[in-house]
């Protein structure tokens, strides 16, 4: 099913609330959006291309696939930040794609779409690691809000992981220091003075 849009100026029920949700999201820099890799998998051409068009317009790096097997190979070769996959497809279903995506990249946000929503399938998707469950049809604005929230989740995870990295002990020559990050990179004056003493034999 395609993404529904307003026709003849008639606003779809709930569209104003979704537009308000878009406005409340904190803005994400264009360069940050361009680094977000999204894979859209659905065997229905119109929905797949509509989703891709909306997300590309938002500035994301979008890849599309019409077949589960093709998507499976893509997920095995590279990591995606967000997977948007139809639940019921021939060959390979959405949950198999979700598991593969999480194996390749445990931080992938998986969103499962379906035109036949049910409590059982939603629970199963969440148990398999889905971040959200998206019944069809849905609006372009709904998709924008959902992906926007997913991207904010990714940014929050990255920030939390960076803050959780332990500071190396003073004088400890670990990988962070050797790569010029963490504590070592914040002491350029001390490093320069040490190099000068070694060169000229000063203490």
N, C-alpha and C. Protein backbone atom coordinates (compact mmCIF):
# COMPACT_ATOMS: atom_id res chain seq x y z
N UNK A 1 0.84 -1.19 0.00
CA UNK A 1 0.00 0.00 0.00
C UNK A 1 0.87 1.24 0.00
N UNK A 2 0.47 2.21 -0.79
CA UNK A 2 1.31 3.40 -0.91
C UNK A 2 1.12 4.31 0.30
N UNK A 3 2.05 5.22 0.48
CA UNK A 3 1.94 6.20 1.54
C UNK A 3 0.79 7.14 1.19
N UNK A 4 -0.24 7.27 2.05
CA UNK A 4 -1.36 8.14 1.73
C UNK A 4 -0.98 9.60 1.85
N UNK A 5 -1.52 10.41 0.99
CA UNK A 5 -1.28 11.85 1.04
C UNK A 5 -2.61 12.55 1.00
N UNK A 6 -2.63 13.83 1.39
CA UNK A 6 -3.86 14.60 1.36
C UNK A 6 -4.28 14.85 -0.09
N UNK A 7 -5.55 14.69 -0.38
CA UNK A 7 -6.07 14.89 -1.72
C UNK A 7 -7.04 16.07 -1.72
N UNK A 8 -6.93 16.94 -2.73
CA UNK A 8 -7.85 18.07 -2.92
C UNK A 8 -7.95 18.95 -1.68
N UNK A 9 -6.82 19.08 -1.00
CA UNK A 9 -6.79 19.97 0.16
C UNK A 9 -7.40 19.39 1.42
N UNK A 10 -7.84 18.13 1.37
CA UNK A 10 -8.43 17.50 2.55
C UNK A 10 -7.32 16.93 3.42
N UNK A 11 -7.29 17.29 4.67
CA UNK A 11 -6.25 16.84 5.58
C UNK A 11 -6.63 15.50 6.18
N UNK A 12 -5.75 14.53 6.12
CA UNK A 12 -6.00 13.22 6.70
C UNK A 12 -6.08 13.34 8.22
N UNK A 13 -7.00 12.62 8.86
CA UNK A 13 -7.10 12.67 10.33
C UNK A 13 -5.77 12.36 10.99
N UNK A 14 -5.41 13.19 11.95
CA UNK A 14 -4.16 12.98 12.66
C UNK A 14 -2.96 13.66 12.02
N UNK A 15 -3.13 14.22 10.82
CA UNK A 15 -1.99 14.82 10.11
C UNK A 15 -1.45 16.03 10.85
N UNK A 16 -2.36 16.82 11.47
CA UNK A 16 -1.90 18.01 12.21
C UNK A 16 -1.03 17.59 13.39
N UNK A 17 -1.43 16.53 14.08
CA UNK A 17 -0.64 16.05 15.22
C UNK A 17 0.74 15.58 14.76
N UNK A 18 0.79 14.88 13.62
CA UNK A 18 2.07 14.39 13.11
C UNK A 18 2.96 15.55 12.70
N UNK A 19 2.36 16.57 12.07
CA UNK A 19 3.14 17.75 11.67
C UNK A 19 3.71 18.45 12.91
N UNK A 20 2.92 18.47 13.99
CA UNK A 20 3.40 19.07 15.24
C UNK A 20 4.56 18.27 15.80
N UNK A 21 4.48 16.93 15.67
CA UNK A 21 5.57 16.08 16.13
C UNK A 21 6.86 16.37 15.38
N UNK A 22 6.75 16.60 14.06
CA UNK A 22 7.93 16.93 13.25
C UNK A 22 8.56 18.21 13.76
N UNK A 23 7.72 19.20 14.05
CA UNK A 23 8.22 20.50 14.47
C UNK A 23 8.93 20.44 15.82
N UNK A 24 8.53 19.50 16.68
CA UNK A 24 9.12 19.43 18.02
C UNK A 24 10.45 18.69 18.04
N UNK A 25 10.79 17.96 16.98
CA UNK A 25 12.06 17.25 16.95
C UNK A 25 13.21 18.24 16.81
N UNK A 26 14.27 18.01 17.55
CA UNK A 26 15.44 18.86 17.43
C UNK A 26 16.04 18.70 16.03
N UNK A 27 16.47 19.79 15.41
CA UNK A 27 17.02 19.69 14.06
C UNK A 27 18.32 18.89 14.03
N UNK A 28 18.51 18.16 12.95
CA UNK A 28 19.73 17.39 12.74
C UNK A 28 20.46 18.01 11.56
N UNK A 29 21.75 18.25 11.70
CA UNK A 29 22.53 18.90 10.65
C UNK A 29 22.50 18.08 9.37
N UNK A 30 22.46 18.74 8.21
CA UNK A 30 22.42 18.03 6.92
C UNK A 30 23.56 17.04 6.75
N UNK A 31 24.76 17.41 7.21
CA UNK A 31 25.90 16.51 7.05
C UNK A 31 25.74 15.25 7.92
N UNK A 32 25.05 15.40 9.05
CA UNK A 32 24.79 14.24 9.91
C UNK A 32 23.75 13.34 9.25
N UNK A 33 22.72 13.93 8.66
CA UNK A 33 21.70 13.14 7.96
C UNK A 33 22.32 12.36 6.80
N UNK A 34 23.24 12.99 6.10
CA UNK A 34 23.85 12.35 4.93
C UNK A 34 24.66 11.12 5.31
N UNK A 35 25.04 11.01 6.58
CA UNK A 35 25.82 9.84 7.04
C UNK A 35 24.92 8.71 7.51
N UNK A 36 23.62 8.96 7.64
CA UNK A 36 22.68 7.94 8.10
C UNK A 36 22.29 7.05 6.92
N UNK A 37 22.66 5.78 7.00
CA UNK A 37 22.37 4.84 5.91
C UNK A 37 21.11 4.05 6.22
N UNK A 38 20.14 4.15 5.32
CA UNK A 38 18.84 3.51 5.50
C UNK A 38 18.60 2.52 4.37
N UNK A 39 18.17 1.32 4.72
CA UNK A 39 17.79 0.31 3.73
C UNK A 39 16.28 0.12 3.79
N UNK A 40 15.61 0.33 2.66
CA UNK A 40 14.16 0.15 2.55
C UNK A 40 13.91 -1.10 1.72
N UNK A 41 13.20 -2.08 2.31
CA UNK A 41 12.94 -3.34 1.63
C UNK A 41 11.44 -3.60 1.60
N UNK A 42 10.89 -3.66 0.39
CA UNK A 42 9.46 -3.98 0.23
C UNK A 42 9.25 -4.44 -1.21
N UNK A 43 8.45 -5.49 -1.39
CA UNK A 43 8.22 -5.97 -2.75
C UNK A 43 7.14 -5.19 -3.48
N UNK A 44 6.53 -4.22 -2.80
CA UNK A 44 5.56 -3.35 -3.46
C UNK A 44 6.26 -2.09 -3.95
N UNK A 45 6.31 -1.93 -5.26
CA UNK A 45 7.10 -0.87 -5.88
C UNK A 45 6.70 0.52 -5.40
N UNK A 46 5.41 0.82 -5.41
CA UNK A 46 4.97 2.18 -5.09
C UNK A 46 5.34 2.57 -3.68
N UNK A 47 5.08 1.69 -2.72
CA UNK A 47 5.41 2.01 -1.34
C UNK A 47 6.92 2.16 -1.14
N UNK A 48 7.66 1.24 -1.72
CA UNK A 48 9.12 1.26 -1.58
C UNK A 48 9.70 2.57 -2.11
N UNK A 49 9.28 2.94 -3.32
CA UNK A 49 9.84 4.14 -3.93
C UNK A 49 9.33 5.41 -3.26
N UNK A 50 8.09 5.37 -2.75
CA UNK A 50 7.56 6.53 -2.03
C UNK A 50 8.35 6.78 -0.74
N UNK A 51 8.62 5.70 -0.01
CA UNK A 51 9.42 5.83 1.21
C UNK A 51 10.81 6.38 0.89
N UNK A 52 11.41 5.83 -0.15
CA UNK A 52 12.76 6.26 -0.53
C UNK A 52 12.77 7.73 -0.93
N UNK A 53 11.74 8.15 -1.66
CA UNK A 53 11.68 9.55 -2.09
C UNK A 53 11.57 10.49 -0.90
N UNK A 54 10.70 10.14 0.05
CA UNK A 54 10.52 10.97 1.25
C UNK A 54 11.83 11.07 2.04
N UNK A 55 12.50 9.94 2.22
CA UNK A 55 13.71 9.92 3.04
C UNK A 55 14.90 10.58 2.34
N UNK A 56 14.99 10.42 1.03
CA UNK A 56 16.05 11.10 0.29
C UNK A 56 15.85 12.61 0.31
N UNK A 57 14.60 13.02 0.24
CA UNK A 57 14.29 14.45 0.32
C UNK A 57 14.71 15.01 1.67
N UNK A 58 14.65 14.17 2.71
CA UNK A 58 15.09 14.58 4.04
C UNK A 58 16.61 14.65 4.14
N UNK A 59 17.31 14.05 3.17
CA UNK A 59 18.77 14.13 3.15
C UNK A 59 19.49 12.87 3.57
N UNK A 60 18.77 11.77 3.76
CA UNK A 60 19.40 10.53 4.20
C UNK A 60 19.99 9.75 3.00
N UNK A 61 20.94 8.88 3.32
CA UNK A 61 21.55 7.99 2.33
C UNK A 61 20.68 6.74 2.26
N UNK A 62 19.88 6.61 1.19
CA UNK A 62 18.86 5.56 1.11
C UNK A 62 19.20 4.54 0.03
N UNK A 63 19.11 3.28 0.41
CA UNK A 63 19.24 2.16 -0.52
C UNK A 63 17.91 1.41 -0.53
N UNK A 64 17.46 0.96 -1.70
CA UNK A 64 16.20 0.23 -1.77
C UNK A 64 16.43 -1.17 -2.33
N UNK A 65 15.54 -2.08 -1.94
CA UNK A 65 15.59 -3.44 -2.45
C UNK A 65 14.17 -3.97 -2.55
N UNK A 66 13.90 -4.69 -3.63
CA UNK A 66 12.56 -5.22 -3.84
C UNK A 66 12.45 -6.69 -3.46
N UNK A 67 13.56 -7.33 -3.19
CA UNK A 67 13.55 -8.76 -2.90
C UNK A 67 14.30 -9.06 -1.60
N UNK A 68 13.73 -9.96 -0.83
CA UNK A 68 14.33 -10.29 0.45
C UNK A 68 15.72 -10.88 0.33
N UNK A 69 15.94 -11.74 -0.67
CA UNK A 69 17.25 -12.36 -0.84
C UNK A 69 18.31 -11.32 -1.18
N UNK A 70 17.95 -10.38 -2.04
CA UNK A 70 18.88 -9.31 -2.41
C UNK A 70 19.22 -8.47 -1.18
N UNK A 71 18.19 -8.16 -0.39
CA UNK A 71 18.42 -7.36 0.81
C UNK A 71 19.29 -8.11 1.81
N UNK A 72 19.10 -9.43 1.89
CA UNK A 72 19.90 -10.25 2.79
C UNK A 72 21.38 -10.14 2.45
N UNK A 73 21.70 -10.20 1.16
CA UNK A 73 23.09 -10.08 0.73
C UNK A 73 23.64 -8.69 1.04
N UNK A 74 22.82 -7.67 0.85
CA UNK A 74 23.25 -6.31 1.17
C UNK A 74 23.59 -6.17 2.65
N UNK A 75 22.74 -6.73 3.49
CA UNK A 75 22.94 -6.63 4.94
C UNK A 75 24.16 -7.41 5.41
N UNK A 76 24.49 -8.47 4.70
CA UNK A 76 25.68 -9.25 5.07
C UNK A 76 26.96 -8.53 4.67
N UNK A 77 26.88 -7.69 3.63
CA UNK A 77 28.08 -7.01 3.13
C UNK A 77 28.37 -5.69 3.82
N UNK A 78 27.34 -5.01 4.28
CA UNK A 78 27.56 -3.68 4.86
C UNK A 78 26.57 -3.42 5.98
N UNK A 79 26.94 -2.51 6.85
CA UNK A 79 26.09 -2.15 7.99
C UNK A 79 25.20 -0.98 7.62
N UNK A 80 23.95 -1.05 8.03
CA UNK A 80 23.01 0.05 7.85
C UNK A 80 22.60 0.57 9.22
N UNK A 81 22.33 1.86 9.29
CA UNK A 81 21.91 2.46 10.55
C UNK A 81 20.44 2.16 10.84
N UNK A 82 19.63 2.17 9.77
CA UNK A 82 18.20 1.94 9.91
C UNK A 82 17.74 0.96 8.84
N UNK A 83 16.97 -0.03 9.24
CA UNK A 83 16.36 -0.97 8.31
C UNK A 83 14.85 -0.79 8.37
N UNK A 84 14.24 -0.55 7.22
CA UNK A 84 12.79 -0.42 7.10
C UNK A 84 12.34 -1.54 6.18
N UNK A 85 11.77 -2.60 6.75
CA UNK A 85 11.50 -3.81 5.97
C UNK A 85 10.08 -4.31 6.14
N UNK A 86 9.51 -4.79 5.03
CA UNK A 86 8.19 -5.40 5.06
C UNK A 86 8.27 -6.74 5.79
N UNK A 87 7.26 -7.01 6.60
CA UNK A 87 7.27 -8.24 7.40
C UNK A 87 7.08 -9.48 6.55
N UNK A 88 6.12 -9.43 5.62
CA UNK A 88 5.79 -10.61 4.83
C UNK A 88 6.25 -10.45 3.38
N UNK A 89 7.31 -11.16 3.03
CA UNK A 89 7.83 -11.16 1.66
C UNK A 89 8.18 -12.59 1.28
N UNK A 90 8.18 -12.85 -0.03
CA UNK A 90 8.58 -14.17 -0.49
C UNK A 90 10.09 -14.32 -0.34
N UNK A 91 10.58 -15.52 -0.35
CA UNK A 91 12.00 -15.85 -0.20
C UNK A 91 12.48 -15.59 1.22
N UNK A 92 12.65 -14.34 1.57
CA UNK A 92 13.18 -13.98 2.89
C UNK A 92 12.24 -12.95 3.53
N UNK A 93 11.79 -13.23 4.75
CA UNK A 93 10.85 -12.30 5.39
C UNK A 93 11.58 -11.21 6.17
N UNK A 94 10.78 -10.27 6.66
CA UNK A 94 11.34 -9.11 7.35
C UNK A 94 12.08 -9.44 8.63
N UNK A 95 11.62 -10.45 9.36
CA UNK A 95 12.29 -10.80 10.62
C UNK A 95 13.65 -11.42 10.37
N UNK A 96 13.79 -12.17 9.29
CA UNK A 96 15.11 -12.71 8.94
C UNK A 96 16.06 -11.58 8.60
N UNK A 97 15.56 -10.60 7.86
CA UNK A 97 16.38 -9.43 7.53
C UNK A 97 16.77 -8.68 8.79
N UNK A 98 15.83 -8.56 9.72
CA UNK A 98 16.11 -7.86 10.98
C UNK A 98 17.22 -8.55 11.75
N UNK A 99 17.14 -9.86 11.87
CA UNK A 99 18.17 -10.62 12.60
C UNK A 99 19.53 -10.47 11.93
N UNK A 100 19.55 -10.52 10.60
CA UNK A 100 20.81 -10.37 9.87
C UNK A 100 21.40 -8.98 10.07
N UNK A 101 20.54 -7.96 10.01
CA UNK A 101 21.00 -6.59 10.21
C UNK A 101 21.62 -6.41 11.58
N UNK A 102 20.99 -6.98 12.60
CA UNK A 102 21.50 -6.84 13.96
C UNK A 102 22.78 -7.65 14.18
N UNK A 103 22.94 -8.72 13.41
CA UNK A 103 24.18 -9.49 13.48
C UNK A 103 25.34 -8.70 12.88
N UNK A 104 25.07 -8.02 11.76
CA UNK A 104 26.10 -7.21 11.10
C UNK A 104 26.43 -5.97 11.93
N UNK A 105 25.39 -5.35 12.47
CA UNK A 105 25.56 -4.12 13.25
C UNK A 105 24.53 -4.12 14.37
N UNK A 106 24.99 -4.39 15.58
CA UNK A 106 24.05 -4.53 16.71
C UNK A 106 23.30 -3.24 17.00
N UNK A 107 23.77 -2.11 16.49
CA UNK A 107 23.10 -0.83 16.74
C UNK A 107 22.11 -0.45 15.65
N UNK A 108 21.91 -1.32 14.67
CA UNK A 108 20.92 -1.04 13.63
C UNK A 108 19.54 -0.88 14.25
N UNK A 109 18.83 0.14 13.81
CA UNK A 109 17.44 0.32 14.25
C UNK A 109 16.55 -0.34 13.20
N UNK A 110 15.82 -1.37 13.61
CA UNK A 110 14.96 -2.10 12.69
C UNK A 110 13.50 -1.71 12.87
N UNK A 111 12.88 -1.33 11.75
CA UNK A 111 11.46 -0.98 11.75
C UNK A 111 10.75 -1.94 10.81
N UNK A 112 9.77 -2.66 11.33
CA UNK A 112 9.06 -3.67 10.55
C UNK A 112 7.72 -3.10 10.09
N UNK A 113 7.47 -3.17 8.77
CA UNK A 113 6.21 -2.70 8.19
C UNK A 113 5.31 -3.89 7.85
N UNK A 114 4.00 -3.70 7.95
CA UNK A 114 3.10 -4.76 7.51
C UNK A 114 1.71 -4.21 7.21
N UNK A 115 1.11 -4.79 6.16
CA UNK A 115 -0.25 -4.44 5.82
C UNK A 115 -1.26 -5.30 6.54
N UNK A 116 -0.78 -6.29 7.30
CA UNK A 116 -1.64 -7.19 8.07
C UNK A 116 -1.20 -7.20 9.53
N UNK A 117 -1.38 -6.07 10.21
CA UNK A 117 -0.89 -5.98 11.60
C UNK A 117 -1.70 -6.87 12.54
N UNK A 118 -1.02 -7.40 13.54
CA UNK A 118 -1.66 -8.20 14.57
C UNK A 118 -0.84 -8.10 15.84
N UNK A 119 -1.46 -8.40 16.94
CA UNK A 119 -0.75 -8.37 18.22
C UNK A 119 0.39 -9.38 18.23
N UNK A 120 0.10 -10.58 17.71
CA UNK A 120 1.13 -11.63 17.72
C UNK A 120 2.36 -11.24 16.90
N UNK A 121 2.12 -10.70 15.69
CA UNK A 121 3.27 -10.34 14.86
C UNK A 121 4.04 -9.15 15.42
N UNK A 122 3.32 -8.22 16.05
CA UNK A 122 4.02 -7.07 16.64
C UNK A 122 4.88 -7.50 17.81
N UNK A 123 4.34 -8.40 18.65
CA UNK A 123 5.11 -8.89 19.79
C UNK A 123 6.33 -9.67 19.31
N UNK A 124 6.14 -10.51 18.30
CA UNK A 124 7.24 -11.30 17.76
C UNK A 124 8.33 -10.40 17.19
N UNK A 125 7.93 -9.36 16.47
CA UNK A 125 8.91 -8.43 15.90
C UNK A 125 9.72 -7.74 16.99
N UNK A 126 9.05 -7.30 18.04
CA UNK A 126 9.76 -6.63 19.13
C UNK A 126 10.68 -7.59 19.88
N UNK A 127 10.24 -8.84 20.03
CA UNK A 127 11.09 -9.83 20.68
C UNK A 127 12.32 -10.15 19.85
N UNK A 128 12.20 -10.04 18.53
CA UNK A 128 13.32 -10.31 17.64
C UNK A 128 14.28 -9.13 17.56
N UNK A 129 13.93 -8.00 18.21
CA UNK A 129 14.84 -6.86 18.24
C UNK A 129 14.39 -5.65 17.44
N UNK A 130 13.14 -5.68 16.94
CA UNK A 130 12.65 -4.52 16.20
C UNK A 130 12.53 -3.31 17.12
N UNK A 131 12.86 -2.15 16.59
CA UNK A 131 12.74 -0.91 17.36
C UNK A 131 11.31 -0.39 17.33
N UNK A 132 10.63 -0.65 16.20
CA UNK A 132 9.23 -0.24 16.09
C UNK A 132 8.51 -1.11 15.06
N UNK A 133 7.21 -1.03 15.10
CA UNK A 133 6.31 -1.85 14.27
C UNK A 133 5.37 -0.88 13.57
N UNK A 134 5.37 -0.88 12.25
CA UNK A 134 4.68 0.16 11.48
C UNK A 134 3.58 -0.44 10.60
N UNK A 135 2.31 -0.31 11.02
CA UNK A 135 1.21 -0.81 10.19
C UNK A 135 1.02 0.06 8.94
N UNK A 136 0.69 -0.59 7.83
CA UNK A 136 0.36 0.14 6.60
C UNK A 136 -1.16 0.33 6.55
N UNK A 137 -1.64 1.38 5.88
CA UNK A 137 -0.87 2.45 5.26
C UNK A 137 -0.45 3.49 6.29
N UNK A 138 0.54 4.29 5.95
CA UNK A 138 1.00 5.36 6.82
C UNK A 138 1.32 6.57 5.97
N UNK A 139 1.30 7.72 6.58
CA UNK A 139 1.54 8.96 5.83
C UNK A 139 3.03 9.26 5.72
N UNK A 140 3.36 10.13 4.78
CA UNK A 140 4.74 10.58 4.63
C UNK A 140 5.21 11.28 5.90
N UNK A 141 4.32 12.06 6.52
CA UNK A 141 4.68 12.77 7.75
C UNK A 141 4.94 11.79 8.88
N UNK A 142 4.13 10.74 8.96
CA UNK A 142 4.34 9.71 9.98
C UNK A 142 5.73 9.09 9.81
N UNK A 143 6.09 8.81 8.56
CA UNK A 143 7.40 8.22 8.29
C UNK A 143 8.52 9.19 8.69
N UNK A 144 8.35 10.47 8.37
CA UNK A 144 9.35 11.47 8.74
C UNK A 144 9.54 11.53 10.24
N UNK A 145 8.43 11.50 10.99
CA UNK A 145 8.50 11.56 12.45
C UNK A 145 9.21 10.33 13.00
N UNK A 146 8.82 9.15 12.49
CA UNK A 146 9.39 7.91 12.99
C UNK A 146 10.89 7.83 12.73
N UNK A 147 11.30 8.16 11.50
CA UNK A 147 12.72 8.11 11.17
C UNK A 147 13.48 9.19 11.93
N UNK A 148 12.86 10.35 12.11
CA UNK A 148 13.50 11.41 12.89
C UNK A 148 13.78 10.96 14.32
N UNK A 149 12.81 10.27 14.92
CA UNK A 149 13.01 9.76 16.28
C UNK A 149 14.09 8.68 16.30
N UNK A 150 14.10 7.85 15.27
CA UNK A 150 15.12 6.80 15.19
C UNK A 150 16.51 7.42 15.11
N UNK A 151 16.66 8.47 14.31
CA UNK A 151 17.95 9.13 14.16
C UNK A 151 18.37 9.77 15.47
N UNK A 152 17.44 10.38 16.18
CA UNK A 152 17.76 10.95 17.48
C UNK A 152 18.20 9.87 18.46
N UNK A 153 17.60 8.70 18.35
CA UNK A 153 18.02 7.57 19.19
C UNK A 153 19.46 7.17 18.88
N UNK A 154 19.80 7.13 17.59
CA UNK A 154 21.17 6.81 17.18
C UNK A 154 22.16 7.82 17.72
N UNK A 155 21.80 9.10 17.62
CA UNK A 155 22.69 10.16 18.10
C UNK A 155 22.86 10.06 19.61
N UNK A 156 21.77 9.78 20.32
CA UNK A 156 21.85 9.65 21.79
C UNK A 156 22.73 8.47 22.18
N UNK A 157 22.61 7.35 21.44
CA UNK A 157 23.45 6.18 21.73
C UNK A 157 24.92 6.53 21.53
N UNK A 158 25.21 7.21 20.43
CA UNK A 158 26.60 7.55 20.13
C UNK A 158 27.18 8.46 21.21
N UNK A 159 26.38 9.44 21.62
CA UNK A 159 26.83 10.36 22.67
C UNK A 159 27.06 9.62 23.98
N UNK A 160 26.13 8.71 24.32
CA UNK A 160 26.28 7.94 25.56
C UNK A 160 27.51 7.06 25.52
N UNK A 161 27.76 6.42 24.38
CA UNK A 161 28.93 5.55 24.26
C UNK A 161 30.22 6.34 24.39
N UNK A 162 30.24 7.54 23.81
CA UNK A 162 31.44 8.37 23.91
C UNK A 162 31.69 8.80 25.34
N UNK A 163 30.62 9.15 26.05
CA UNK A 163 30.76 9.57 27.44
C UNK A 163 31.16 8.42 28.35
N UNK A 164 30.80 7.20 27.94
CA UNK A 164 31.09 6.03 28.77
C UNK A 164 32.51 5.51 28.59
N UNK A 165 33.22 6.00 27.56
CA UNK A 165 34.58 5.54 27.34
C UNK A 165 35.48 6.00 28.48
N UNK A 166 36.20 5.09 29.13
CA UNK A 166 37.05 5.47 30.27
C UNK A 166 38.25 6.30 29.82
N UNK A 167 38.59 7.28 30.66
CA UNK A 167 39.78 8.08 30.39
C UNK A 167 41.01 7.25 30.72
N UNK A 168 42.02 7.23 29.85
CA UNK A 168 43.24 6.47 30.14
C UNK A 168 43.97 7.08 31.33
N UNK A 169 44.62 6.23 32.10
CA UNK A 169 45.40 6.71 33.24
C UNK A 169 46.55 7.58 32.76
N UNK A 170 46.94 8.55 33.60
CA UNK A 170 48.02 9.46 33.27
C UNK A 170 49.30 8.68 32.98
N UNK A 171 49.86 8.91 31.80
CA UNK A 171 51.10 8.26 31.43
C UNK A 171 50.92 6.90 30.81
N UNK A 172 49.67 6.40 30.74
CA UNK A 172 49.44 5.07 30.18
C UNK A 172 49.45 5.16 28.66
N UNK A 173 50.29 4.36 28.02
CA UNK A 173 50.40 4.39 26.56
C UNK A 173 49.46 3.34 25.98
N UNK A 174 48.18 3.69 25.86
CA UNK A 174 47.23 2.74 25.27
C UNK A 174 46.90 3.17 23.85
N UNK A 175 45.96 2.49 23.24
CA UNK A 175 45.63 2.78 21.85
C UNK A 175 45.09 4.19 21.67
N UNK A 176 44.29 4.68 22.63
CA UNK A 176 43.75 6.02 22.51
C UNK A 176 44.86 7.05 22.42
N UNK A 177 45.85 6.91 23.31
CA UNK A 177 46.95 7.86 23.31
C UNK A 177 47.76 7.78 22.02
N UNK A 178 48.01 6.55 21.56
CA UNK A 178 48.80 6.38 20.35
C UNK A 178 48.10 6.95 19.13
N UNK A 179 46.76 6.92 19.13
CA UNK A 179 46.01 7.42 17.98
C UNK A 179 45.75 8.92 18.10
N UNK A 180 46.24 9.52 19.14
CA UNK A 180 46.09 10.97 19.27
C UNK A 180 44.74 11.39 19.78
N UNK A 181 44.05 10.50 20.51
CA UNK A 181 42.75 10.85 21.05
C UNK A 181 42.80 10.82 22.55
N UNK A 182 41.66 11.07 23.16
CA UNK A 182 41.51 11.06 24.61
C UNK A 182 42.52 11.98 25.27
N UNK A 183 43.11 11.54 26.39
CA UNK A 183 43.94 12.43 27.19
C UNK A 183 45.17 12.92 26.44
N UNK A 184 45.81 12.04 25.68
CA UNK A 184 47.05 12.40 25.01
C UNK A 184 46.91 13.58 24.09
N UNK A 185 45.79 13.67 23.38
CA UNK A 185 45.63 14.74 22.41
C UNK A 185 45.32 16.06 23.07
N UNK A 186 45.00 16.06 24.36
CA UNK A 186 44.66 17.31 25.02
C UNK A 186 45.86 17.90 25.75
N UNK A 187 47.07 17.35 25.55
CA UNK A 187 48.25 17.88 26.21
C UNK A 187 49.35 18.19 25.20
N UNK A 188 49.04 18.98 24.15
CA UNK A 188 50.06 19.25 23.12
C UNK A 188 51.27 20.00 23.66
N UNK A 189 51.03 20.90 24.64
CA UNK A 189 52.15 21.66 25.19
C UNK A 189 53.13 20.75 25.93
N UNK A 190 52.61 19.82 26.72
CA UNK A 190 53.46 18.90 27.48
C UNK A 190 54.25 18.01 26.54
N UNK A 191 53.61 17.55 25.48
CA UNK A 191 54.29 16.68 24.52
C UNK A 191 55.41 17.43 23.82
N UNK A 192 55.13 18.68 23.44
CA UNK A 192 56.15 19.49 22.76
C UNK A 192 57.35 19.74 23.66
N UNK A 193 57.09 20.03 24.95
CA UNK A 193 58.18 20.27 25.88
C UNK A 193 59.01 19.01 26.09
N UNK A 194 58.36 17.86 26.16
CA UNK A 194 59.08 16.60 26.34
C UNK A 194 59.96 16.32 25.12
N UNK A 195 59.45 16.60 23.92
CA UNK A 195 60.23 16.38 22.70
C UNK A 195 61.43 17.30 22.67
N UNK A 196 61.25 18.54 23.11
CA UNK A 196 62.36 19.49 23.11
C UNK A 196 63.46 19.05 24.07
N UNK A 197 63.07 18.57 25.25
CA UNK A 197 64.07 18.11 26.21
C UNK A 197 64.86 16.92 25.66
N UNK A 198 64.18 16.01 24.96
CA UNK A 198 64.87 14.86 24.40
C UNK A 198 65.83 15.28 23.31
N UNK A 199 65.47 16.29 22.53
CA UNK A 199 66.31 16.73 21.41
C UNK A 199 67.55 17.47 21.89
N UNK A 200 67.39 18.33 22.90
CA UNK A 200 68.50 19.17 23.33
C UNK A 200 69.14 18.69 24.62
N UNK A 201 68.70 17.59 25.14
CA UNK A 201 69.31 17.03 26.35
C UNK A 201 69.00 17.83 27.59
N UNK A 202 67.87 18.60 27.55
CA UNK A 202 67.51 19.41 28.73
C UNK A 202 66.62 18.59 29.63
N UNK A 203 66.61 18.95 30.93
CA UNK A 203 65.77 18.27 31.91
C UNK A 203 64.78 19.24 32.48
